[in-house]
Amino acid sequence: MKIGEVARRTGVAPRLVRYYEQQGLLVAERAANGYRTYSEADVVRVDRVAGMVRAGMPTRLIKVLLDMEQAAAEDHPTCPRTVAELLASELGGIEDRIACLTRSRDTIREFLERTEHAALISERAATATG
């Protein structure tokens, strides 16, 4: 599929898809005419990268994580000291963001549960799952 289809399906602008490619987060095949072509796996990857970016992860960390997952999938789970140090320094920030988001989620949920709009919570959950 072409970049426009990937963008439509993931909600990520074509410009960002190209940026992800420039950062080494995505590798597109090239058709004979030079156009980028993408697979279903690329759609999943773009969606995942976009989610990590929205969660506040820097692209350099995303690249490291994706590379580590690939190495683990190939049964080569090695980790140089510099990578381990990067991961350790980022871990605290990620945990802080998760804690903040969890508190915010809980506050919103508790507020909505006390209002006449409590049904919105279950409606949203039903929409998300199916």
C-alpha atoms as a PDB file:
ATOM      1  CA  MET A   1       0.000   0.000   0.000  1.00  0.00           C
ATOM      2  CA  LYS A   2       1.058   3.606  -0.472  1.00  0.00           C
ATOM      3  CA  ILE A   3       1.931   6.128   2.204  1.00  0.00           C
ATOM      4  CA  GLY A   4      -1.481   7.812   2.009  1.00  0.00           C
ATOM      5  CA  GLU A   5      -3.226   4.567   2.933  1.00  0.00           C
ATOM      6  CA  VAL A   6      -0.855   4.034   5.886  1.00  0.00           C
ATOM      7  CA  ALA A   7      -1.541   7.598   6.998  1.00  0.00           C
ATOM      8  CA  ARG A   8      -5.309   7.140   6.703  1.00  0.00           C
ATOM      9  CA  ARG A   9      -5.330   3.851   8.597  1.00  0.00           C
ATOM     10  CA  THR A  10      -3.082   5.044  11.431  1.00  0.00           C
ATOM     11  CA  GLY A  11      -4.121   8.676  11.701  1.00  0.00           C
ATOM     12  CA  VAL A  12      -0.474   9.674  11.247  1.00  0.00           C
ATOM     13  CA  ALA A  13       0.321  12.360   8.677  1.00  0.00           C
ATOM     14  CA  PRO A  14       2.372  11.198   5.663  1.00  0.00           C
ATOM     15  CA  ARG A  15       5.056  13.666   6.725  1.00  0.00           C
ATOM     16  CA  LEU A  16       5.402  11.830  10.057  1.00  0.00           C
ATOM     17  CA  VAL A  17       5.521   8.437   8.344  1.00  0.00           C
ATOM     18  CA  ARG A  18       8.467   9.760   6.320  1.00  0.00           C
ATOM     19  CA  TYR A  19      10.040  11.135   9.502  1.00  0.00           C
ATOM     20  CA  TYR A  20       9.744   7.727  11.171  1.00  0.00           C
ATOM     21  CA  GLU A  21      11.537   6.279   8.170  1.00  0.00           C
ATOM     22  CA  GLN A  22      14.300   8.911   8.402  1.00  0.00           C
ATOM     23  CA  GLN A  23      14.754   8.073  12.084  1.00  0.00           C
ATOM     24  CA  GLY A  24      15.171   4.372  11.276  1.00  0.00           C
ATOM     25  CA  LEU A  25      11.893   3.425  12.962  1.00  0.00           C
ATOM     26  CA  LEU A  26      10.379   2.122   9.744  1.00  0.00           C
ATOM     27  CA  VAL A  27      11.813   0.703   6.538  1.00  0.00           C
ATOM     28  CA  ALA A  28       9.631   1.028   3.471  1.00  0.00           C
ATOM     29  CA  GLU A  29      10.058  -1.046   0.372  1.00  0.00           C
ATOM     30  CA  ARG A  30      10.340   0.823  -2.917  1.00  0.00           C
ATOM     31  CA  ALA A  31       8.287   0.037  -5.995  1.00  0.00           C
ATOM     32  CA  ALA A  32       9.865   0.131  -9.461  1.00  0.00           C
ATOM     33  CA  ASN A  33       8.625   3.716  -9.848  1.00  0.00           C
ATOM     34  CA  GLY A  34      10.400   4.724  -6.611  1.00  0.00           C
ATOM     35  CA  TYR A  35       7.228   5.085  -4.542  1.00  0.00           C
ATOM     36  CA  ARG A  36       7.266   3.768  -1.009  1.00  0.00           C
ATOM     37  CA  THR A  37       5.188   0.646  -0.443  1.00  0.00           C
ATOM     38  CA  TYR A  38       4.057  -0.598   2.931  1.00  0.00           C
ATOM     39  CA  SER A  39       2.764  -3.867   4.352  1.00  0.00           C
ATOM     40  CA  GLU A  40       0.234  -4.647   7.073  1.00  0.00           C
ATOM     41  CA  ALA A  41       3.173  -5.084   9.469  1.00  0.00           C
ATOM     42  CA  ASP A  42       4.254  -1.524   8.640  1.00  0.00           C
ATOM     43  CA  VAL A  43       0.782  -0.234   9.540  1.00  0.00           C
ATOM     44  CA  VAL A  44       1.045  -1.944  12.921  1.00  0.00           C
ATOM     45  CA  ARG A  45       4.550  -0.539  13.430  1.00  0.00           C
ATOM     46  CA  VAL A  46       3.545   3.043  12.515  1.00  0.00           C
ATOM     47  CA  ASP A  47       0.586   2.801  14.891  1.00  0.00           C
ATOM     48  CA  ARG A  48       2.866   1.530  17.665  1.00  0.00           C
ATOM     49  CA  VAL A  49       5.541   4.182  17.080  1.00  0.00           C
ATOM     50  CA  ALA A  50       2.889   6.913  17.053  1.00  0.00           C
ATOM     51  CA  GLY A  51       1.502   5.602  20.337  1.00  0.00           C
ATOM     52  CA  MET A  52       4.937   5.674  21.943  1.00  0.00           C
ATOM     53  CA  VAL A  53       5.546   9.208  20.645  1.00  0.00           C
ATOM     54  CA  ARG A  54       2.163  10.327  22.057  1.00  0.00           C
ATOM     55  CA  ALA A  55       3.168   8.727  25.379  1.00  0.00           C
ATOM     56  CA  GLY A  56       6.169  11.046  25.458  1.00  0.00           C
ATOM     57  CA  MET A  57       8.946   8.681  24.425  1.00  0.00           C
ATOM     58  CA  PRO A  58      11.734  10.241  22.399  1.00  0.00           C
ATOM     59  CA  THR A  59      12.371   8.659  19.008  1.00  0.00           C
ATOM     60  CA  ARG A  60      15.905   7.682  20.024  1.00  0.00           C
ATOM     61  CA  LEU A  61      14.454   5.521  22.813  1.00  0.00           C
ATOM     62  CA  ILE A  62      11.774   4.119  20.517  1.00  0.00           C
ATOM     63  CA  LYS A  63      14.509   3.044  18.100  1.00  0.00           C
ATOM     64  CA  VAL A  64      16.393   1.293  20.905  1.00  0.00           C
ATOM     65  CA  LEU A  65      13.248  -0.478  22.108  1.00  0.00           C
ATOM     66  CA  LEU A  66      12.290  -1.645  18.615  1.00  0.00           C
ATOM     67  CA  ASP A  67      15.833  -2.879  17.993  1.00  0.00           C
ATOM     68  CA  MET A  68      15.808  -4.734  21.313  1.00  0.00           C
ATOM     69  CA  GLU A  69      12.486  -6.388  20.494  1.00  0.00           C
ATOM     70  CA  GLN A  70      13.857  -7.480  17.135  1.00  0.00           C
ATOM     71  CA  ALA A  71      16.986  -8.914  18.763  1.00  0.00           C
ATOM     72  CA  ALA A  72      14.897 -10.739  21.367  1.00  0.00           C
ATOM     73  CA  ALA A  73      12.665 -12.142  18.639  1.00  0.00           C
ATOM     74  CA  GLU A  74      15.768 -13.442  16.890  1.00  0.00           C
ATOM     75  CA  ASP A  75      16.963 -14.934  20.193  1.00  0.00           C
ATOM     76  CA  HIS A  76      19.916 -12.525  20.489  1.00  0.00           C
ATOM     77  CA  PRO A  77      19.040 -10.536  23.623  1.00  0.00           C
ATOM     78  CA  THR A  78      22.250  -8.599  24.115  1.00  0.00           C
ATOM     79  CA  CYS A  79      22.385  -5.136  25.594  1.00  0.00           C
ATOM     80  CA  PRO A  80      25.475  -2.928  25.555  1.00  0.00           C
ATOM     81  CA  ARG A  81      26.139  -0.919  28.720  1.00  0.00           C
ATOM     82  CA  THR A  82      25.348   2.396  26.988  1.00  0.00           C
ATOM     83  CA  VAL A  83      21.938   1.083  25.941  1.00  0.00           C
ATOM     84  CA  ALA A  84      21.257  -0.229  29.448  1.00  0.00           C
ATOM     85  CA  GLU A  85      22.150   3.182  30.895  1.00  0.00           C
ATOM     86  CA  LEU A  86      19.807   4.921  28.441  1.00  0.00           C
ATOM     87  CA  LEU A  87      17.003   2.530  29.318  1.00  0.00           C
ATOM     88  CA  ALA A  88      17.568   2.906  33.053  1.00  0.00           C
ATOM     89  CA  SER A  89      17.496   6.704  32.819  1.00  0.00           C
ATOM     90  CA  GLU A  90      14.286   6.645  30.776  1.00  0.00           C
ATOM     91  CA  LEU A  91      12.560   4.099  33.017  1.00  0.00           C
ATOM     92  CA  GLY A  92      12.044   6.532  35.885  1.00  0.00           C
ATOM     93  CA  GLY A  93      10.473   9.114  33.593  1.00  0.00           C
ATOM     94  CA  ILE A  94       8.153   6.537  32.057  1.00  0.00           C
ATOM     95  CA  GLU A  95       7.058   5.338  35.486  1.00  0.00           C
ATOM     96  CA  ASP A  96       6.420   8.942  36.561  1.00  0.00           C
ATOM     97  CA  ARG A  97       4.281   9.566  33.457  1.00  0.00           C
ATOM     98  CA  ILE A  98       2.343   6.336  34.036  1.00  0.00           C
ATOM     99  CA  ALA A  99       1.687   7.322  37.656  1.00  0.00           C
ATOM    100  CA  CYS A 100       0.518  10.777  36.575  1.00  0.00           C
ATOM    101  CA  LEU A 101      -1.751   9.357  33.887  1.00  0.00           C
ATOM    102  CA  THR A 102      -3.135   6.775  36.309  1.00  0.00           C
ATOM    103  CA  ARG A 103      -3.985   9.492  38.841  1.00  0.00           C
ATOM    104  CA  SER A 104      -5.616  11.574  36.098  1.00  0.00           C
ATOM    105  CA  ARG A 105      -7.608   8.597  34.823  1.00  0.00           C
ATOM    106  CA  ASP A 106      -8.789   7.750  38.323  1.00  0.00           C
ATOM    107  CA  THR A 107      -9.800  11.359  39.023  1.00  0.00           C
ATOM    108  CA  ILE A 108     -11.782  11.566  35.786  1.00  0.00           C
ATOM    109  CA  ARG A 109     -13.443   8.188  36.359  1.00  0.00           C
ATOM    110  CA  GLU A 110     -14.386   9.032  39.959  1.00  0.00           C
ATOM    111  CA  PHE A 111     -15.790  12.401  38.901  1.00  0.00           C
ATOM    112  CA  LEU A 112     -17.875  10.917  36.098  1.00  0.00           C
ATOM    113  CA  GLU A 113     -19.149   8.136  38.363  1.00  0.00           C
ATOM    114  CA  ARG A 114     -20.565  10.797  40.722  1.00  0.00           C
ATOM    115  CA  THR A 115     -22.446  12.582  37.931  1.00  0.00           C
ATOM    116  CA  GLU A 116     -25.439  11.770  35.782  1.00  0.00           C
ATOM    117  CA  HIS A 117     -22.938  10.875  33.022  1.00  0.00           C
ATOM    118  CA  ALA A 118     -21.561   7.706  34.656  1.00  0.00           C
ATOM    119  CA  ALA A 119     -22.905   5.609  31.781  1.00  0.00           C
ATOM    120  CA  LEU A 120     -20.360   7.269  29.478  1.00  0.00           C
ATOM    121  CA  ILE A 121     -17.623   5.223  31.135  1.00  0.00           C
ATOM    122  CA  SER A 122     -19.156   1.878  30.195  1.00  0.00           C
ATOM    123  CA  GLU A 123     -20.180   3.173  26.749  1.00  0.00           C
ATOM    124  CA  ARG A 124     -16.585   4.236  26.081  1.00  0.00           C
ATOM    125  CA  ALA A 125     -15.245   0.879  27.270  1.00  0.00           C
ATOM    126  CA  ALA A 126     -17.700  -0.981  25.017  1.00  0.00           C
ATOM    127  CA  THR A 127     -16.689   1.157  22.028  1.00  0.00           C
ATOM    128  CA  ALA A 128     -12.982   0.574  22.705  1.00  0.00           C
ATOM    129  CA  THR A 129     -13.340  -3.213  22.886  1.00  0.00           C
ATOM    130  CA  GLY A 130     -15.516  -3.780  20.035  1.00  0.00           C
END
